[in-house]
Amino acid sequence: MTLQQKLLAKKSKKGFTLVELVVVIAILAILAAIAIPMVVNIIQSATNSSGASNASTLSQQCKNVYAGVKSGTINNEESKNSDGTAITWAAAKAATATAKQTAANAVTVAQVMVYSGLNFDISADYYFCTTAATGVAVGDIAYSDTGSAPTTPSGAAYSQLATTTTLGGASGLYKS
């Protein structure tokens, strides 16, 4: 075999050297070390944003339902849940103001969610304000992913929200 044939035989071998493979693996490890924390942060940020949005929506729906039942615009005769089923937890349209107030106080968060068509889990991370402060009113619902009640704004106090929490009454959202 001539020298030219030997050189051609060497050049025709295909594959990667061990050094090339190690360099590629090192580059991939560096990229993964940078990308994984960024992806985790993006997922956490999306979860927090979704939770805060759900809390705001639920808070507004609770206020709307409470006011609607109290005024009689949401009533047992004409109103329906989002799925079309009749509601049974409001007072009659012509009921007395006292009966409407009593019905409004007894409405639960679960009933508001069914009425409004809200479908998310509030078993943890959702709290309602029990002591007002700047920017937050009694009954406002907040999301906290820390495993405990929110600590802001200063002076506000929160209690754990449950599907059985009522809108009014001594332990309800609006303390009526």
N, C-alpha and C. Protein backbone atom coordinates (compact mmCIF):
# COMPACT_ATOMS: atom_id res chain seq x y z
N MET A 1 0.85 -1.16 0.00
CA MET A 1 0.00 0.00 0.00
C MET A 1 0.90 1.23 0.00
N THR A 2 0.59 2.15 -0.88
CA THR A 2 1.40 3.37 -1.00
C THR A 2 1.00 4.36 0.08
N LEU A 3 1.83 5.38 0.23
CA LEU A 3 1.56 6.41 1.23
C LEU A 3 0.27 7.15 0.91
N GLN A 4 0.04 7.41 -0.34
CA GLN A 4 -1.20 8.11 -0.74
C GLN A 4 -2.43 7.26 -0.40
N GLN A 5 -2.35 5.97 -0.60
CA GLN A 5 -3.46 5.08 -0.28
C GLN A 5 -3.72 5.05 1.24
N LYS A 6 -2.62 5.06 2.02
CA LYS A 6 -2.77 5.06 3.48
C LYS A 6 -3.46 6.34 3.96
N LEU A 7 -3.06 7.50 3.38
CA LEU A 7 -3.68 8.76 3.76
C LEU A 7 -5.16 8.78 3.39
N LEU A 8 -5.50 8.27 2.23
CA LEU A 8 -6.90 8.22 1.82
C LEU A 8 -7.69 7.28 2.72
N ALA A 9 -7.10 6.19 3.15
CA ALA A 9 -7.77 5.25 4.03
C ALA A 9 -8.05 5.90 5.38
N LYS A 10 -7.08 6.70 5.88
CA LYS A 10 -7.28 7.40 7.14
C LYS A 10 -8.38 8.45 7.03
N LYS A 11 -8.42 9.20 5.95
CA LYS A 11 -9.42 10.24 5.77
C LYS A 11 -10.82 9.66 5.57
N SER A 12 -10.96 8.51 5.09
CA SER A 12 -12.28 7.95 4.81
C SER A 12 -12.96 7.38 6.06
N LYS A 13 -12.24 7.24 7.17
CA LYS A 13 -12.86 6.76 8.40
C LYS A 13 -13.78 7.85 8.94
N LYS A 14 -15.01 7.46 9.30
CA LYS A 14 -15.99 8.42 9.77
C LYS A 14 -16.24 8.19 11.25
N GLY A 15 -16.58 9.30 11.96
CA GLY A 15 -16.88 9.19 13.38
C GLY A 15 -16.32 10.38 14.13
N PHE A 16 -16.55 10.37 15.45
CA PHE A 16 -16.09 11.46 16.30
C PHE A 16 -15.01 10.93 17.23
N THR A 17 -14.11 11.80 17.54
CA THR A 17 -13.08 11.42 18.50
C THR A 17 -13.66 11.58 19.90
N LEU A 18 -13.01 11.00 20.87
CA LEU A 18 -13.43 11.09 22.26
C LEU A 18 -13.41 12.53 22.74
N VAL A 19 -12.44 13.28 22.32
CA VAL A 19 -12.34 14.70 22.71
C VAL A 19 -13.53 15.49 22.16
N GLU A 20 -13.90 15.25 20.92
CA GLU A 20 -15.05 15.95 20.34
C GLU A 20 -16.34 15.62 21.10
N LEU A 21 -16.53 14.37 21.46
CA LEU A 21 -17.71 13.96 22.21
C LEU A 21 -17.75 14.62 23.59
N VAL A 22 -16.62 14.67 24.27
CA VAL A 22 -16.55 15.29 25.60
C VAL A 22 -16.86 16.78 25.50
N VAL A 23 -16.36 17.46 24.49
CA VAL A 23 -16.63 18.89 24.31
C VAL A 23 -18.12 19.13 24.07
N VAL A 24 -18.75 18.34 23.23
CA VAL A 24 -20.18 18.48 22.96
C VAL A 24 -20.99 18.23 24.24
N ILE A 25 -20.65 17.20 24.98
CA ILE A 25 -21.36 16.91 26.23
C ILE A 25 -21.19 18.06 27.23
N ALA A 26 -20.02 18.62 27.32
CA ALA A 26 -19.77 19.75 28.23
C ALA A 26 -20.62 20.96 27.82
N ILE A 27 -20.70 21.24 26.55
CA ILE A 27 -21.51 22.36 26.07
C ILE A 27 -22.98 22.13 26.39
N LEU A 28 -23.47 20.92 26.16
CA LEU A 28 -24.86 20.60 26.49
C LEU A 28 -25.13 20.73 27.99
N ALA A 29 -24.18 20.33 28.81
CA ALA A 29 -24.36 20.45 30.27
C ALA A 29 -24.43 21.92 30.68
N ILE A 30 -23.62 22.76 30.10
CA ILE A 30 -23.65 24.20 30.41
C ILE A 30 -24.98 24.80 29.98
N LEU A 31 -25.45 24.47 28.80
CA LEU A 31 -26.74 24.98 28.33
C LEU A 31 -27.88 24.51 29.22
N ALA A 32 -27.84 23.25 29.66
CA ALA A 32 -28.89 22.74 30.55
C ALA A 32 -28.84 23.45 31.89
N ALA A 33 -27.66 23.71 32.40
CA ALA A 33 -27.53 24.39 33.70
C ALA A 33 -28.09 25.82 33.64
N ILE A 34 -28.05 26.42 32.48
CA ILE A 34 -28.61 27.76 32.32
C ILE A 34 -30.12 27.69 32.05
N ALA A 35 -30.55 26.77 31.23
CA ALA A 35 -31.96 26.71 30.79
C ALA A 35 -32.92 26.17 31.85
N ILE A 36 -32.52 25.19 32.62
CA ILE A 36 -33.45 24.56 33.57
C ILE A 36 -33.96 25.55 34.62
N PRO A 37 -33.10 26.34 35.28
CA PRO A 37 -33.64 27.32 36.23
C PRO A 37 -34.55 28.35 35.58
N MET A 38 -34.26 28.73 34.36
CA MET A 38 -35.10 29.70 33.66
C MET A 38 -36.48 29.11 33.40
N VAL A 39 -36.55 27.86 33.00
CA VAL A 39 -37.83 27.20 32.74
C VAL A 39 -38.62 27.06 34.03
N VAL A 40 -37.95 26.70 35.11
CA VAL A 40 -38.62 26.58 36.41
C VAL A 40 -39.20 27.93 36.83
N ASN A 41 -38.45 29.01 36.65
CA ASN A 41 -38.94 30.35 36.98
C ASN A 41 -40.13 30.74 36.13
N ILE A 42 -40.11 30.40 34.87
CA ILE A 42 -41.22 30.72 33.98
C ILE A 42 -42.48 29.97 34.42
N ILE A 43 -42.34 28.71 34.77
CA ILE A 43 -43.48 27.91 35.22
C ILE A 43 -44.04 28.48 36.52
N GLN A 44 -43.16 28.83 37.46
CA GLN A 44 -43.60 29.40 38.74
C GLN A 44 -44.30 30.74 38.53
N SER A 45 -43.78 31.54 37.66
CA SER A 45 -44.39 32.84 37.36
C SER A 45 -45.77 32.66 36.74
N ALA A 46 -45.92 31.70 35.85
CA ALA A 46 -47.21 31.44 35.22
C ALA A 46 -48.22 30.93 36.25
N THR A 47 -47.78 30.09 37.18
CA THR A 47 -48.66 29.58 38.23
C THR A 47 -49.13 30.72 39.12
N ASN A 48 -48.20 31.59 39.52
CA ASN A 48 -48.57 32.73 40.36
C ASN A 48 -49.53 33.68 39.64
N SER A 49 -49.28 33.93 38.39
CA SER A 49 -50.14 34.81 37.61
C SER A 49 -51.54 34.23 37.47
N SER A 50 -51.61 32.93 37.20
CA SER A 50 -52.90 32.26 37.08
C SER A 50 -53.65 32.27 38.40
N GLY A 51 -52.95 31.99 39.50
CA GLY A 51 -53.58 32.00 40.82
C GLY A 51 -54.11 33.37 41.19
N ALA A 52 -53.33 34.40 40.91
CA ALA A 52 -53.76 35.77 41.22
C ALA A 52 -54.97 36.15 40.37
N SER A 53 -54.97 35.76 39.12
CA SER A 53 -56.10 36.04 38.24
C SER A 53 -57.36 35.32 38.71
N ASN A 54 -57.21 34.05 39.07
CA ASN A 54 -58.35 33.29 39.59
C ASN A 54 -58.90 33.92 40.87
N ALA A 55 -58.00 34.36 41.76
CA ALA A 55 -58.43 34.98 43.02
C ALA A 55 -59.20 36.27 42.75
N SER A 56 -58.72 37.05 41.82
CA SER A 56 -59.39 38.30 41.47
C SER A 56 -60.77 38.04 40.88
N THR A 57 -60.86 37.08 39.99
CA THR A 57 -62.14 36.72 39.37
C THR A 57 -63.12 36.21 40.41
N LEU A 58 -62.68 35.31 41.27
CA LEU A 58 -63.55 34.76 42.31
C LEU A 58 -64.00 35.86 43.27
N SER A 59 -63.09 36.74 43.63
CA SER A 59 -63.43 37.84 44.53
C SER A 59 -64.54 38.71 43.92
N GLN A 60 -64.39 39.04 42.65
CA GLN A 60 -65.39 39.87 41.99
C GLN A 60 -66.73 39.14 41.87
N GLN A 61 -66.69 37.85 41.56
CA GLN A 61 -67.93 37.08 41.43
C GLN A 61 -68.65 36.97 42.78
N CYS A 62 -67.88 36.80 43.87
CA CYS A 62 -68.50 36.73 45.20
C CYS A 62 -69.20 38.05 45.52
N LYS A 63 -68.55 39.16 45.20
CA LYS A 63 -69.17 40.47 45.44
C LYS A 63 -70.44 40.62 44.61
N ASN A 64 -70.38 40.22 43.35
CA ASN A 64 -71.54 40.34 42.47
C ASN A 64 -72.71 39.48 42.95
N VAL A 65 -72.42 38.23 43.32
CA VAL A 65 -73.48 37.33 43.78
C VAL A 65 -74.05 37.83 45.10
N TYR A 66 -73.22 38.25 46.02
CA TYR A 66 -73.69 38.76 47.30
C TYR A 66 -74.63 39.94 47.09
N ALA A 67 -74.21 40.89 46.27
CA ALA A 67 -75.06 42.06 45.99
C ALA A 67 -76.33 41.65 45.25
N GLY A 68 -76.22 40.72 44.31
CA GLY A 68 -77.38 40.27 43.54
C GLY A 68 -78.42 39.56 44.38
N VAL A 69 -77.98 38.69 45.28
CA VAL A 69 -78.92 37.98 46.16
C VAL A 69 -79.53 38.95 47.15
N LYS A 70 -78.71 39.84 47.67
CA LYS A 70 -79.19 40.82 48.66
C LYS A 70 -80.24 41.76 48.06
N SER A 71 -80.07 42.10 46.77
CA SER A 71 -81.02 43.01 46.12
C SER A 71 -82.21 42.26 45.51
N GLY A 72 -82.09 40.95 45.33
CA GLY A 72 -83.16 40.17 44.72
C GLY A 72 -83.01 39.98 43.22
N THR A 73 -81.97 40.55 42.60
CA THR A 73 -81.78 40.33 41.16
C THR A 73 -81.34 38.89 40.88
N ILE A 74 -80.67 38.28 41.83
CA ILE A 74 -80.41 36.84 41.77
C ILE A 74 -81.41 36.22 42.73
N ASN A 75 -82.33 35.43 42.19
CA ASN A 75 -83.40 34.88 43.02
C ASN A 75 -83.74 33.46 42.60
N ASN A 76 -84.50 32.77 43.43
CA ASN A 76 -84.85 31.36 43.18
C ASN A 76 -85.81 31.18 42.01
N GLU A 77 -86.47 32.23 41.57
CA GLU A 77 -87.49 32.09 40.53
C GLU A 77 -86.94 32.26 39.12
N GLU A 78 -85.98 33.15 38.94
CA GLU A 78 -85.52 33.48 37.59
C GLU A 78 -84.06 33.12 37.32
N SER A 79 -83.25 32.98 38.33
CA SER A 79 -81.81 32.81 38.14
C SER A 79 -81.42 31.35 37.98
N LYS A 80 -80.36 31.14 37.22
CA LYS A 80 -79.86 29.78 36.98
C LYS A 80 -78.34 29.78 37.12
N ASN A 81 -77.80 28.60 37.44
CA ASN A 81 -76.35 28.42 37.47
C ASN A 81 -75.81 28.48 36.05
N SER A 82 -74.51 28.57 35.91
CA SER A 82 -73.90 28.63 34.58
C SER A 82 -74.20 27.38 33.76
N ASP A 83 -74.48 26.26 34.40
CA ASP A 83 -74.80 25.03 33.67
C ASP A 83 -76.29 24.89 33.35
N GLY A 84 -77.07 25.93 33.69
CA GLY A 84 -78.49 25.94 33.36
C GLY A 84 -79.40 25.38 34.45
N THR A 85 -78.85 24.84 35.50
CA THR A 85 -79.68 24.31 36.59
C THR A 85 -80.20 25.46 37.45
N ALA A 86 -81.36 25.26 38.02
CA ALA A 86 -81.96 26.29 38.87
C ALA A 86 -81.19 26.42 40.17
N ILE A 87 -81.15 27.64 40.68
CA ILE A 87 -80.52 27.84 41.98
C ILE A 87 -81.58 27.71 43.07
N THR A 88 -81.16 27.27 44.22
CA THR A 88 -82.09 27.10 45.34
C THR A 88 -81.62 27.87 46.57
N TRP A 89 -80.51 28.55 46.49
CA TRP A 89 -79.91 29.18 47.64
C TRP A 89 -80.21 30.67 47.78
N ALA A 90 -80.92 31.23 46.86
CA ALA A 90 -81.29 32.65 46.96
C ALA A 90 -82.72 32.74 47.50
N ALA A 91 -83.13 33.93 47.82
CA ALA A 91 -84.50 34.15 48.28
C ALA A 91 -85.42 34.34 47.08
N ALA A 92 -86.71 34.31 47.32
CA ALA A 92 -87.68 34.60 46.26
C ALA A 92 -87.53 36.06 45.85
N LYS A 93 -87.92 36.35 44.63
CA LYS A 93 -87.77 37.71 44.10
C LYS A 93 -88.52 38.74 44.97
N ALA A 94 -89.69 38.37 45.47
CA ALA A 94 -90.51 39.30 46.26
C ALA A 94 -90.29 39.15 47.77
N ALA A 95 -89.24 38.46 48.16
CA ALA A 95 -88.98 38.24 49.59
C ALA A 95 -88.66 39.56 50.29
N THR A 96 -88.75 39.54 51.58
CA THR A 96 -88.43 40.74 52.37
C THR A 96 -86.93 41.00 52.31
N ALA A 97 -86.55 42.21 52.63
CA ALA A 97 -85.14 42.58 52.66
C ALA A 97 -84.37 41.71 53.65
N THR A 98 -85.00 41.39 54.75
CA THR A 98 -84.35 40.54 55.76
C THR A 98 -84.11 39.14 55.20
N ALA A 99 -85.09 38.58 54.49
CA ALA A 99 -84.94 37.24 53.91
C ALA A 99 -83.84 37.24 52.84
N LYS A 100 -83.78 38.31 52.05
CA LYS A 100 -82.73 38.41 51.02
C LYS A 100 -81.36 38.53 51.66
N GLN A 101 -81.24 39.31 52.73
CA GLN A 101 -79.97 39.47 53.44
C GLN A 101 -79.54 38.13 54.05
N THR A 102 -80.47 37.42 54.63
CA THR A 102 -80.18 36.12 55.23
C THR A 102 -79.70 35.15 54.15
N ALA A 103 -80.36 35.15 53.00
CA ALA A 103 -79.95 34.27 51.90
C ALA A 103 -78.57 34.65 51.39
N ALA A 104 -78.31 35.95 51.24
CA ALA A 104 -77.00 36.42 50.76
C ALA A 104 -75.89 35.99 51.72
N ASN A 105 -76.16 36.10 53.02
CA ASN A 105 -75.16 35.71 54.02
C ASN A 105 -74.83 34.22 53.95
N ALA A 106 -75.81 33.39 53.59
CA ALA A 106 -75.64 31.94 53.61
C ALA A 106 -75.04 31.36 52.33
N VAL A 107 -74.91 32.16 51.27
CA VAL A 107 -74.33 31.65 50.02
C VAL A 107 -72.88 31.25 50.27
N THR A 108 -72.48 30.08 49.76
CA THR A 108 -71.10 29.61 49.94
C THR A 108 -70.25 29.92 48.71
N VAL A 109 -68.97 29.86 48.89
CA VAL A 109 -68.03 30.08 47.78
C VAL A 109 -68.27 29.02 46.70
N ALA A 110 -68.56 27.78 47.10
CA ALA A 110 -68.82 26.72 46.12
C ALA A 110 -70.04 27.06 45.26
N GLN A 111 -71.08 27.62 45.86
CA GLN A 111 -72.27 28.00 45.10
C GLN A 111 -71.96 29.14 44.14
N VAL A 112 -71.13 30.08 44.57
CA VAL A 112 -70.72 31.17 43.67
C VAL A 112 -69.95 30.61 42.48
N MET A 113 -69.06 29.65 42.74
CA MET A 113 -68.26 29.07 41.66
C MET A 113 -69.14 28.34 40.65
N VAL A 114 -70.12 27.59 41.11
CA VAL A 114 -71.04 26.90 40.19
C VAL A 114 -71.88 27.91 39.43
N TYR A 115 -72.40 28.90 40.14
CA TYR A 115 -73.23 29.93 39.52
C TYR A 115 -72.45 30.66 38.42
N SER A 116 -71.19 30.97 38.71
CA SER A 116 -70.36 31.76 37.80
C SER A 116 -69.61 30.93 36.77
N GLY A 117 -69.63 29.61 36.92
CA GLY A 117 -68.92 28.75 35.97
C GLY A 117 -67.42 28.72 36.20
N LEU A 118 -66.98 29.00 37.42
CA LEU A 118 -65.55 28.96 37.72
C LEU A 118 -65.16 27.54 38.08
N ASN A 119 -64.06 27.07 37.51
CA ASN A 119 -63.67 25.68 37.71
C ASN A 119 -62.17 25.60 38.02
N PHE A 120 -61.81 25.94 39.25
CA PHE A 120 -60.44 25.76 39.69
C PHE A 120 -60.45 25.38 41.17
N ASP A 121 -59.36 24.82 41.62
CA ASP A 121 -59.27 24.29 42.98
C ASP A 121 -58.85 25.38 43.96
N ILE A 122 -59.65 25.60 44.98
CA ILE A 122 -59.29 26.59 46.00
C ILE A 122 -58.94 25.91 47.33
N SER A 123 -58.61 24.62 47.28
CA SER A 123 -58.36 23.89 48.53
C SER A 123 -57.11 24.38 49.25
N ALA A 124 -56.23 25.05 48.57
CA ALA A 124 -55.03 25.60 49.20
C ALA A 124 -54.64 26.88 48.44
N ASP A 125 -53.89 27.71 49.09
CA ASP A 125 -53.31 28.90 48.47
C ASP A 125 -54.26 30.06 48.25
N TYR A 126 -55.52 29.94 48.65
CA TYR A 126 -56.46 31.05 48.50
C TYR A 126 -56.91 31.52 49.89
N TYR A 127 -56.90 32.82 50.09
CA TYR A 127 -57.20 33.42 51.39
C TYR A 127 -58.13 34.60 51.20
N PHE A 128 -58.91 34.93 52.25
CA PHE A 128 -59.75 36.12 52.16
C PHE A 128 -59.39 37.09 53.27
N CYS A 129 -59.47 38.36 52.94
CA CYS A 129 -59.07 39.43 53.86
C CYS A 129 -60.09 39.55 54.99
N THR A 130 -59.61 39.56 56.23
CA THR A 130 -60.48 39.72 57.39
C THR A 130 -60.28 41.07 58.08
N THR A 131 -59.16 41.72 57.80
CA THR A 131 -58.88 43.05 58.33
C THR A 131 -58.41 43.92 57.18
N ALA A 132 -59.16 44.95 56.88
CA ALA A 132 -58.85 45.80 55.74
C ALA A 132 -57.55 46.59 55.95
N ALA A 133 -56.94 46.96 54.87
CA ALA A 133 -55.74 47.81 54.88
C ALA A 133 -55.73 48.58 53.56
N THR A 134 -54.78 49.43 53.38
CA THR A 134 -54.69 50.21 52.15
C THR A 134 -54.63 49.28 50.94
N GLY A 135 -55.59 49.41 50.06
CA GLY A 135 -55.60 48.62 48.83
C GLY A 135 -56.32 47.28 48.92
N VAL A 136 -56.80 46.91 50.09
CA VAL A 136 -57.51 45.64 50.23
C VAL A 136 -58.68 45.83 51.19
N ALA A 137 -59.82 45.26 50.82
CA ALA A 137 -61.04 45.39 51.62
C ALA A 137 -61.37 44.04 52.26
N VAL A 138 -62.15 44.08 53.31
CA VAL A 138 -62.62 42.85 53.94
C VAL A 138 -63.38 42.04 52.88
N GLY A 139 -63.04 40.78 52.75
CA GLY A 139 -63.68 39.91 51.78
C GLY A 139 -62.90 39.72 50.50
N ASP A 140 -61.93 40.59 50.23
CA ASP A 140 -61.12 40.42 49.02
C ASP A 140 -60.36 39.11 49.10
N ILE A 141 -60.31 38.39 47.98
CA ILE A 141 -59.66 37.09 47.93
C ILE A 141 -58.29 37.25 47.29
N ALA A 142 -57.28 36.61 47.90
CA ALA A 142 -55.91 36.70 47.41
C ALA A 142 -55.33 35.31 47.23
N TYR A 143 -54.32 35.21 46.39
CA TYR A 143 -53.60 33.95 46.15
C TYR A 143 -52.22 34.06 46.77
N SER A 144 -51.77 33.00 47.41
CA SER A 144 -50.42 32.97 47.98
C SER A 144 -49.85 31.57 47.80
N ASP A 145 -48.72 31.48 47.12
CA ASP A 145 -48.12 30.17 46.88
C ASP A 145 -47.07 29.82 47.94
N THR A 146 -47.02 30.59 49.02
CA THR A 146 -46.00 30.36 50.04
C THR A 146 -46.42 29.31 51.06
N GLY A 147 -47.66 28.87 51.02
CA GLY A 147 -48.14 27.93 52.01
C GLY A 147 -48.72 28.60 53.24
N SER A 148 -48.72 29.92 53.23
CA SER A 148 -49.31 30.66 54.35
C SER A 148 -50.00 31.90 53.80
N ALA A 149 -50.78 32.55 54.66
CA ALA A 149 -51.54 33.72 54.24
C ALA A 149 -50.62 34.84 53.76
N PRO A 150 -51.11 35.67 52.85
CA PRO A 150 -50.31 36.81 52.39
C PRO A 150 -49.94 37.73 53.57
N THR A 151 -48.83 38.41 53.45
CA THR A 151 -48.39 39.33 54.49
C THR A 151 -48.48 40.78 54.06
N THR A 152 -48.94 41.00 52.86
CA THR A 152 -49.07 42.37 52.36
C THR A 152 -50.50 42.62 51.95
N PRO A 153 -50.99 43.79 51.97
CA PRO A 153 -50.32 44.99 52.45
C PRO A 153 -50.25 45.00 53.97
N SER A 154 -49.40 45.84 54.49
CA SER A 154 -49.20 45.92 55.94
C SER A 154 -50.52 46.26 56.64
N GLY A 155 -50.82 45.51 57.68
CA GLY A 155 -52.04 45.75 58.45
C GLY A 155 -53.20 44.85 58.06
N ALA A 156 -53.12 44.20 56.91
CA ALA A 156 -54.19 43.30 56.47
C ALA A 156 -54.02 41.94 57.14
N ALA A 157 -55.13 41.29 57.42
CA ALA A 157 -55.10 39.93 57.95
C ALA A 157 -55.96 39.05 57.04
N TYR A 158 -55.57 37.79 56.93
CA TYR A 158 -56.26 36.87 56.02
C TYR A 158 -56.61 35.57 56.72
N SER A 159 -57.67 34.92 56.24
CA SER A 159 -58.05 33.58 56.68
C SER A 159 -58.11 32.67 55.46
N GLN A 160 -57.92 31.38 55.71
CA GLN A 160 -57.96 30.38 54.63
C GLN A 160 -59.35 30.35 54.00
N LEU A 161 -59.43 30.37 52.70
CA LEU A 161 -60.69 30.29 51.98
C LEU A 161 -61.03 28.82 51.75
N ALA A 162 -62.28 28.47 51.89
CA ALA A 162 -62.75 27.11 51.63
C ALA A 162 -64.03 27.18 50.82
N THR A 163 -64.41 26.10 50.18
CA THR A 163 -65.65 26.09 49.40
C THR A 163 -66.86 26.28 50.31
N THR A 164 -66.70 25.98 51.59
CA THR A 164 -67.81 26.13 52.54
C THR A 164 -67.87 27.52 53.18
N THR A 165 -66.89 28.37 52.88
CA THR A 165 -66.90 29.73 53.42
C THR A 165 -68.14 30.45 52.89
N THR A 166 -68.88 31.08 53.79
CA THR A 166 -70.08 31.81 53.38
C THR A 166 -69.73 33.25 53.04
N LEU A 167 -70.64 33.90 52.32
CA LEU A 167 -70.38 35.28 51.92
C LEU A 167 -70.62 36.27 53.05
N GLY A 168 -71.54 35.95 53.95
CA GLY A 168 -71.84 36.87 55.04
C GLY A 168 -71.80 36.16 56.37
N GLY A 169 -72.28 36.84 57.38
CA GLY A 169 -72.28 36.25 58.72
C GLY A 169 -70.99 36.52 59.45
N ALA A 170 -70.92 36.06 60.68
CA ALA A 170 -69.78 36.34 61.55
C ALA A 170 -68.45 35.82 61.00
N SER A 171 -68.45 34.67 60.32
CA SER A 171 -67.20 34.10 59.81
C SER A 171 -67.13 34.16 58.28
N GLY A 172 -68.05 34.89 57.67
CA GLY A 172 -68.08 34.95 56.22
C GLY A 172 -67.15 35.99 55.63
N LEU A 173 -67.17 36.08 54.34
CA LEU A 173 -66.29 37.01 53.64
C LEU A 173 -66.57 38.46 54.03
N TYR A 174 -67.82 38.82 54.12
CA TYR A 174 -68.16 40.24 54.29
C TYR A 174 -68.62 40.62 55.70
N LYS A 175 -68.56 39.70 56.64
CA LYS A 175 -68.83 39.99 58.06
C LYS A 175 -70.08 40.81 58.30
N SER A 176 -71.17 40.46 57.65
CA SER A 176 -72.38 41.26 57.80
C SER A 176 -73.13 40.93 59.07
